[in-house]
Amino acid sequence: MKIGIGCDHILERDRSIEIVEALCAIFPDAEIYTLAHRPKQVLGPLERKKIHSTFLSHKVSSVKDLSKYSYLIPSAAKNFHITCDLDLFIDVSSGLSHGLITCDKVKRVSYLLDKKDALENIGFIRKFFKSYVNNWKEKKLLDDRTIWVETPELEKRLKEMGKNPLVLRPFVKVEDFQVIKSAGFKHSAFLINALPLDNKMATDITDNLNQKNIIFKFIGDDNHLSTLKDSLGENAFFGEKCHGELAPLMSSAAGLIDFDTHPYSPYTLECLASGRPVLKNKKDVVLEDLEGLVPFSDLSELISKLPSLSSESWVEKSDDLRRGVVKFNESRFKTQVKKFLDRA
């Protein structure tokens, strides 16, 4: 069986790259088809695969660049040749690579990721072509392909379009995060997921934390918080780091503050896997009653609940917190992929 795997890009490591790597582990002979690729920018096993890409590889060097040139993606997809010798083509799409074109005889599966638009200004050209690109995205889902989605929200939206998708929950590298019980851990510093916050939100949170003399550190992509970084200093920002550096930080933290609207936020699952609790906005919580998931409705409630998270009682519950997220492991994801393909 000859298989191709598609994705939006191979430019920066993100959730889609980890999913593509998992699919490649299931199908080691599969070739990769992507809109944009820059060799050696994403470390890992993908660079050992045969990778095909569109002309956009010569125009972009980052995901931000790809977003900037999104109006060119329909043309790039239309002129991109994917061999008709394939028996199966699986694309992992955050809204782009499902538009890649395959021959009619090729069985097609699209796994749609629930990715929200970035907070930053998108510029005049992207605003002008946004409707055009969105119409193109939607039209490409109206054929007879099999669709998997990563969240119930996407499932609902696709059903409204007349499709009948299957929910395939994503995974995190649970094995990279461990419960570490150490007398040296004071569990006094809170981690804050930087990506979903704009400067105002982040400033409001940090002002309140500073007033309460609560220690904090931002984790994740923080390039959009440059103004706040200037005032707080670089030490308040951990940035995007590998699991080897992030895991011990999570194990030693009081907990995580996460405004990520993605119901299966990787940082939330990774923190719980480390045995530490997570404060999550109530409107975004759809995870199955996980131990250690503490909802809040507004900033005032968030601040009021922080002291309870740094108490030693959470150390006693740490194994229960981890046990609840073990089901989000990669092996289970791969098993589910195989079951879904048998039904496709």
Protein backbone atom coordinates (compact mmCIF):
# COMPACT_ATOMS: atom_id res chain seq x y z
CA MET A 1 0.00 0.00 0.00
CA LYS A 2 1.50 3.31 -1.11
CA ILE A 3 0.73 6.20 1.22
CA GLY A 4 1.32 9.96 1.12
CA ILE A 5 1.10 12.28 4.12
CA GLY A 6 0.30 15.97 3.72
CA CYS A 7 0.75 18.93 6.07
CA ASP A 8 0.61 22.73 6.01
CA HIS A 9 4.33 23.24 6.43
CA ILE A 10 7.63 21.90 7.70
CA LEU A 11 9.02 25.22 8.90
CA GLU A 12 8.66 25.22 12.68
CA ARG A 13 7.90 22.51 15.20
CA ASP A 14 4.28 22.61 16.31
CA ARG A 15 1.39 20.25 17.05
CA SER A 16 0.93 19.32 13.39
CA ILE A 17 4.59 18.28 13.04
CA GLU A 18 4.29 15.87 15.99
CA ILE A 19 1.15 14.35 14.46
CA VAL A 20 2.87 13.91 11.08
CA GLU A 21 5.79 12.21 12.85
CA ALA A 22 3.34 9.84 14.56
CA LEU A 23 1.75 8.98 11.19
CA CYS A 24 5.20 8.39 9.71
CA ALA A 25 5.90 5.93 12.53
CA ILE A 26 2.78 4.01 11.45
CA PHE A 27 3.65 4.28 7.75
CA PRO A 28 7.48 4.39 7.56
CA ASP A 29 7.57 4.30 3.75
CA ALA A 30 5.22 7.25 3.27
CA GLU A 31 6.41 10.35 1.42
CA ILE A 32 5.57 13.86 2.65
CA TYR A 33 3.74 16.54 0.68
CA THR A 34 3.63 20.04 2.13
CA LEU A 35 2.98 23.62 1.09
CA ALA A 36 6.32 24.92 2.38
CA HIS A 37 9.53 23.32 3.62
CA ARG A 38 12.90 24.68 4.63
CA PRO A 39 15.48 21.89 5.15
CA LYS A 40 16.94 21.47 8.66
CA GLN A 41 14.61 24.03 10.28
CA VAL A 42 12.66 21.28 12.03
CA LEU A 43 14.94 18.83 13.78
CA GLY A 44 13.76 15.24 13.96
CA PRO A 45 12.92 12.22 11.82
CA LEU A 46 10.96 14.11 9.15
CA GLU A 47 14.13 15.36 7.47
CA ARG A 48 15.02 11.76 6.65
CA LYS A 49 11.82 11.40 4.64
CA LYS A 50 11.30 12.27 0.99
CA ILE A 51 9.59 15.69 1.13
CA HIS A 52 7.77 17.38 -1.76
CA SER A 53 6.76 21.03 -1.50
CA THR A 54 5.25 23.87 -3.55
CA PHE A 55 6.84 27.06 -4.91
CA LEU A 56 6.04 28.69 -1.55
CA SER A 57 9.17 27.05 -0.15
CA HIS A 58 11.15 29.65 -2.10
CA LYS A 59 9.13 32.56 -0.69
CA VAL A 60 8.70 31.75 3.02
CA SER A 61 11.01 30.80 5.87
CA SER A 62 8.57 30.80 8.81
CA VAL A 63 4.94 30.11 9.66
CA LYS A 64 4.43 33.86 9.95
CA ASP A 65 5.65 34.24 6.35
CA LEU A 66 3.29 31.48 5.21
CA SER A 67 0.39 33.28 6.88
CA LYS A 68 1.46 36.50 5.15
CA TYR A 69 1.30 34.79 1.76
CA SER A 70 -1.89 32.84 2.48
CA TYR A 71 -3.57 34.38 -0.58
CA LEU A 72 -1.10 32.41 -2.75
CA ILE A 73 -1.92 29.04 -1.16
CA PRO A 74 -4.90 28.13 -3.43
CA SER A 75 -2.69 28.64 -6.49
CA ALA A 76 0.19 26.70 -4.91
CA ALA A 77 -2.10 23.79 -4.09
CA LYS A 78 -3.67 23.77 -7.56
CA ASN A 79 -0.28 23.56 -9.31
CA PHE A 80 1.25 21.02 -6.92
CA HIS A 81 1.59 17.54 -8.38
CA ILE A 82 0.80 14.63 -6.07
CA THR A 83 1.40 11.28 -7.75
CA CYS A 84 -1.67 9.25 -8.73
CA ASP A 85 0.15 6.04 -7.70
CA LEU A 86 -0.94 6.54 -4.09
CA ASP A 87 -3.51 4.27 -2.48
CA LEU A 88 -4.09 6.60 0.47
CA PHE A 89 -3.37 10.25 1.21
CA ILE A 90 -3.71 11.57 4.77
CA ASP A 91 -3.31 15.30 5.33
CA VAL A 92 -2.90 16.96 8.73
CA SER A 93 -4.43 20.37 8.16
CA SER A 94 -4.76 23.49 10.28
CA GLY A 95 -6.89 24.91 7.49
CA LEU A 96 -4.52 24.74 4.51
CA SER A 97 -3.14 21.36 3.40
CA HIS A 98 -6.59 19.78 3.08
CA GLY A 99 -6.71 21.90 -0.09
CA LEU A 100 -3.97 19.85 -1.73
CA ILE A 101 -5.32 18.04 -4.79
CA THR A 102 -5.15 14.28 -5.28
CA CYS A 103 -6.35 12.03 -8.10
CA ASP A 104 -9.93 10.77 -7.85
CA LYS A 105 -8.87 7.15 -7.31
CA VAL A 106 -6.73 7.99 -4.27
CA LYS A 107 -8.49 7.39 -0.94
CA ARG A 108 -8.42 10.69 0.93
CA VAL A 109 -8.47 11.38 4.67
CA SER A 110 -8.19 14.88 6.15
CA TYR A 111 -7.39 15.33 9.84
CA LEU A 112 -8.43 18.88 10.74
CA LEU A 113 -6.73 20.61 13.65
CA ASP A 114 -8.53 23.27 15.67
CA LYS A 115 -6.19 26.23 15.30
CA LYS A 116 -7.33 29.76 16.05
CA ASP A 117 -6.08 32.85 14.20
CA ALA A 118 -3.14 34.64 15.76
CA LEU A 119 -3.75 37.78 17.83
CA GLU A 120 -1.45 39.97 15.77
CA ASN A 121 -2.64 42.33 13.04
CA ILE A 122 -2.92 40.46 9.77
CA GLY A 123 -2.24 43.34 7.38
CA PHE A 124 -4.16 44.82 4.48
CA ILE A 125 -3.43 42.15 1.85
CA ARG A 126 -4.46 39.27 4.10
CA LYS A 127 -7.61 41.11 5.17
CA PHE A 128 -8.47 41.76 1.52
CA PHE A 129 -8.07 38.09 0.53
CA LYS A 130 -9.37 36.53 3.77
CA SER A 131 -12.85 35.84 2.38
CA TYR A 132 -11.36 34.33 -0.79
CA VAL A 133 -9.09 31.99 1.17
CA ASN A 134 -11.84 31.00 3.61
CA ASN A 135 -14.21 30.13 0.77
CA TRP A 136 -11.46 28.03 -0.80
CA LYS A 137 -10.88 26.20 2.50
CA GLU A 138 -14.56 25.38 2.94
CA LYS A 139 -15.12 24.29 -0.65
CA LYS A 140 -12.29 21.76 -0.42
CA LEU A 141 -14.11 19.92 2.38
CA LEU A 142 -17.30 19.33 0.39
CA ASP A 143 -16.11 16.28 -1.59
CA ASP A 144 -16.48 12.66 -0.47
CA ARG A 145 -13.24 12.44 1.54
CA THR A 146 -13.17 11.03 5.06
CA ILE A 147 -12.76 13.75 7.70
CA TRP A 148 -11.32 13.42 11.18
CA VAL A 149 -11.35 16.36 13.59
CA GLU A 150 -9.45 16.93 16.81
CA THR A 151 -12.17 18.68 18.85
CA PRO A 152 -15.93 18.46 19.46
CA GLU A 153 -16.21 22.09 18.35
CA LEU A 154 -14.87 21.23 14.91
CA GLU A 155 -17.14 18.19 14.78
CA LYS A 156 -20.16 20.45 15.36
CA ARG A 157 -19.06 22.93 12.69
CA LEU A 158 -18.50 20.18 10.10
CA LYS A 159 -21.88 18.61 10.84
CA GLU A 160 -23.47 21.99 10.13
CA MET A 161 -21.83 21.75 6.69
CA GLY A 162 -23.44 18.35 6.11
CA LYS A 163 -20.33 16.29 6.85
CA ASN A 164 -20.05 13.43 9.34
CA PRO A 165 -16.54 13.65 10.85
CA LEU A 166 -14.96 11.41 13.46
CA VAL A 167 -13.29 12.93 16.53
CA LEU A 168 -9.67 11.83 16.84
CA ARG A 169 -8.26 13.33 20.03
CA PRO A 170 -4.69 14.63 19.76
CA PHE A 171 -1.87 13.42 21.96
CA VAL A 172 0.97 14.84 24.00
CA LYS A 173 4.30 13.23 24.82
CA VAL A 174 3.09 12.12 28.24
CA GLU A 175 6.25 10.09 28.78
CA ASP A 176 8.37 13.27 28.64
CA PHE A 177 6.62 14.69 31.73
CA GLN A 178 6.91 13.04 35.13
CA VAL A 179 5.79 13.63 38.70
CA ILE A 180 8.90 14.66 40.62
CA LYS A 181 8.46 14.85 44.38
CA SER A 182 11.38 16.81 45.75
CA ALA A 183 11.88 18.52 49.08
CA GLY A 184 13.60 21.29 47.13
CA PHE A 185 10.42 22.18 45.22
CA LYS A 186 8.53 25.01 46.93
CA HIS A 187 5.78 25.07 44.25
CA SER A 188 5.50 28.83 44.65
CA ALA A 189 5.88 30.09 41.06
CA PHE A 190 3.00 30.00 38.58
CA LEU A 191 3.51 29.38 34.88
CA ILE A 192 1.44 31.36 32.36
CA ASN A 193 0.82 30.25 28.78
CA ALA A 194 1.88 33.36 26.84
CA LEU A 195 0.51 32.56 23.39
CA PRO A 196 -3.23 33.23 23.88
CA LEU A 197 -2.68 36.55 25.67
CA ASP A 198 -2.39 40.00 24.15
CA ASN A 199 -0.38 42.73 25.89
CA LYS A 200 -3.37 44.11 27.80
CA MET A 201 -4.50 40.74 29.14
CA ALA A 202 -0.96 39.77 30.09
CA THR A 203 -0.38 43.14 31.79
CA ASP A 204 -3.63 42.88 33.79
CA ILE A 205 -2.66 39.41 35.01
CA THR A 206 0.89 40.33 35.97
CA ASP A 207 -0.21 43.54 37.72
CA ASN A 208 -2.54 41.48 39.90
CA LEU A 209 0.10 38.86 40.59
CA ASN A 210 2.67 41.50 41.52
CA GLN A 211 0.21 43.13 43.92
CA LYS A 212 -0.19 39.77 45.67
CA ASN A 213 3.58 39.12 45.59
CA ILE A 214 2.97 35.95 43.59
CA ILE A 215 5.90 34.67 41.54
CA PHE A 216 5.22 33.88 37.87
CA LYS A 217 6.92 33.03 34.60
CA PHE A 218 5.54 33.04 31.05
CA ILE A 219 6.10 29.94 28.92
CA GLY A 220 5.62 29.41 25.18
CA ASP A 221 5.66 31.76 22.21
CA ASP A 222 5.94 35.31 23.61
CA ASN A 223 7.09 37.33 20.57
CA HIS A 224 3.80 39.25 20.57
CA LEU A 225 4.37 40.42 24.16
CA SER A 226 7.42 42.55 23.38
CA THR A 227 6.06 45.61 25.23
CA LEU A 228 5.54 43.62 28.40
CA LYS A 229 8.94 41.94 28.05
CA ASP A 230 10.56 45.38 28.02
CA SER A 231 8.90 46.31 31.32
CA LEU A 232 9.18 42.98 33.15
CA GLY A 233 12.56 41.85 31.85
CA GLU A 234 13.63 38.67 30.07
CA ASN A 235 13.77 36.65 33.32
CA ALA A 236 9.98 36.63 33.47
CA PHE A 237 9.83 34.77 30.13
CA PHE A 238 10.89 31.17 29.59
CA GLY A 239 10.03 31.08 25.89
CA GLU A 240 9.56 27.98 23.76
CA LYS A 241 11.83 25.21 24.98
CA CYS A 242 12.20 21.49 24.38
CA HIS A 243 10.46 19.05 26.70
CA GLY A 244 13.77 18.29 28.41
CA GLU A 245 13.90 21.86 29.72
CA LEU A 246 10.16 22.40 30.18
CA ALA A 247 9.36 19.20 32.12
CA PRO A 248 11.31 19.97 35.32
CA LEU A 249 9.96 23.53 35.33
CA MET A 250 6.40 22.20 35.26
CA SER A 251 7.09 19.62 37.98
CA SER A 252 8.42 22.34 40.30
CA ALA A 253 5.72 24.96 39.55
CA ALA A 254 2.71 25.84 41.69
CA GLY A 255 0.55 25.32 38.63
CA LEU A 256 -0.32 26.65 35.18
CA ILE A 257 -2.58 29.55 34.16
CA ASP A 258 -3.88 28.72 30.69
CA PHE A 259 -6.20 30.90 28.58
CA ASP A 260 -5.70 28.70 25.51
CA THR A 261 -9.11 28.26 23.86
CA HIS A 262 -8.06 24.89 22.46
CA PRO A 263 -9.91 22.28 24.56
CA TYR A 264 -6.91 19.96 24.51
CA SER A 265 -4.25 22.58 25.16
CA PRO A 266 -0.87 20.81 25.13
CA TYR A 267 0.46 22.88 28.03
CA THR A 268 -2.58 21.96 30.13
CA LEU A 269 -2.13 18.25 29.49
CA GLU A 270 1.64 18.42 30.00
CA CYS A 271 1.28 20.25 33.30
CA LEU A 272 -1.26 17.71 34.58
CA ALA A 273 1.08 14.92 33.45
CA SER A 274 3.72 16.57 35.66
CA GLY A 275 1.37 16.29 38.63
CA ARG A 276 0.63 20.01 38.92
CA PRO A 277 -2.83 21.69 38.73
CA VAL A 278 -4.09 24.00 35.96
CA LEU A 279 -6.31 27.06 36.11
CA LYS A 280 -8.45 27.15 32.95
CA ASN A 281 -11.05 29.61 31.74
CA LYS A 282 -14.51 28.08 32.33
CA LYS A 283 -15.79 28.83 28.84
CA ASP A 284 -12.89 26.86 27.34
CA VAL A 285 -13.04 23.78 29.55
CA VAL A 286 -14.39 20.70 27.74
CA LEU A 287 -11.85 18.19 29.00
CA GLU A 288 -13.33 15.16 30.70
CA ASP A 289 -13.49 16.00 34.43
CA LEU A 290 -9.74 15.75 34.85
CA GLU A 291 -8.37 15.85 38.38
CA GLY A 292 -6.42 19.06 38.87
CA LEU A 293 -8.31 21.17 36.32
CA VAL A 294 -9.51 24.26 38.22
CA PRO A 295 -11.95 26.49 36.27
CA PHE A 296 -12.36 30.24 36.72
CA SER A 297 -14.77 32.73 35.16
CA ASP A 298 -12.87 36.03 35.40
CA LEU A 299 -9.59 37.56 36.52
CA SER A 300 -10.86 38.18 40.06
CA GLU A 301 -11.77 34.52 40.53
CA LEU A 302 -8.48 33.47 38.98
CA ILE A 303 -6.47 35.50 41.50
CA SER A 304 -8.61 34.28 44.42
CA LYS A 305 -7.94 30.63 43.55
CA LEU A 306 -4.17 30.91 43.14
CA PRO A 307 -3.22 30.41 46.83
CA SER A 308 -5.04 27.07 46.97
CA LEU A 309 -3.00 25.75 44.05
CA SER A 310 0.36 26.27 45.73
CA SER A 311 -0.68 24.26 48.82
CA GLU A 312 1.05 20.98 49.62
CA SER A 313 -2.23 19.04 49.20
CA TRP A 314 -1.62 18.99 45.43
CA VAL A 315 1.64 17.09 45.98
CA GLU A 316 -0.38 14.29 47.56
CA LYS A 317 -2.73 14.27 44.54
CA SER A 318 0.01 14.51 41.91
CA ASP A 319 -0.17 10.86 40.85
CA ASP A 320 -3.93 11.17 40.35
CA LEU A 321 -3.42 14.24 38.16
CA ARG A 322 -0.98 12.37 35.97
CA ARG A 323 -3.15 9.26 35.82
CA GLY A 324 -6.01 11.26 34.33
CA VAL A 325 -4.05 12.37 31.24
CA VAL A 326 -2.21 9.14 30.46
CA LYS A 327 -4.98 8.35 27.95
CA PHE A 328 -3.70 11.25 25.82
CA ASN A 329 -0.55 9.28 24.94
CA GLU A 330 0.88 8.74 21.46
CA SER A 331 0.38 4.97 21.43
CA ARG A 332 -3.33 5.32 21.97
CA PHE A 333 -3.49 7.92 19.19
CA LYS A 334 -1.77 5.55 16.75
CA THR A 335 -4.12 2.71 17.68
CA GLN A 336 -7.10 4.97 17.03
CA VAL A 337 -5.69 6.02 13.64
CA LYS A 338 -5.49 2.35 12.58
CA LYS A 339 -9.07 1.71 13.75
CA PHE A 340 -10.36 4.76 11.89
CA LEU A 341 -8.58 3.73 8.69
CA ASP A 342 -10.21 0.30 8.86
CA ARG A 343 -13.56 2.12 8.83
CA ALA A 344 -12.61 4.60 6.08
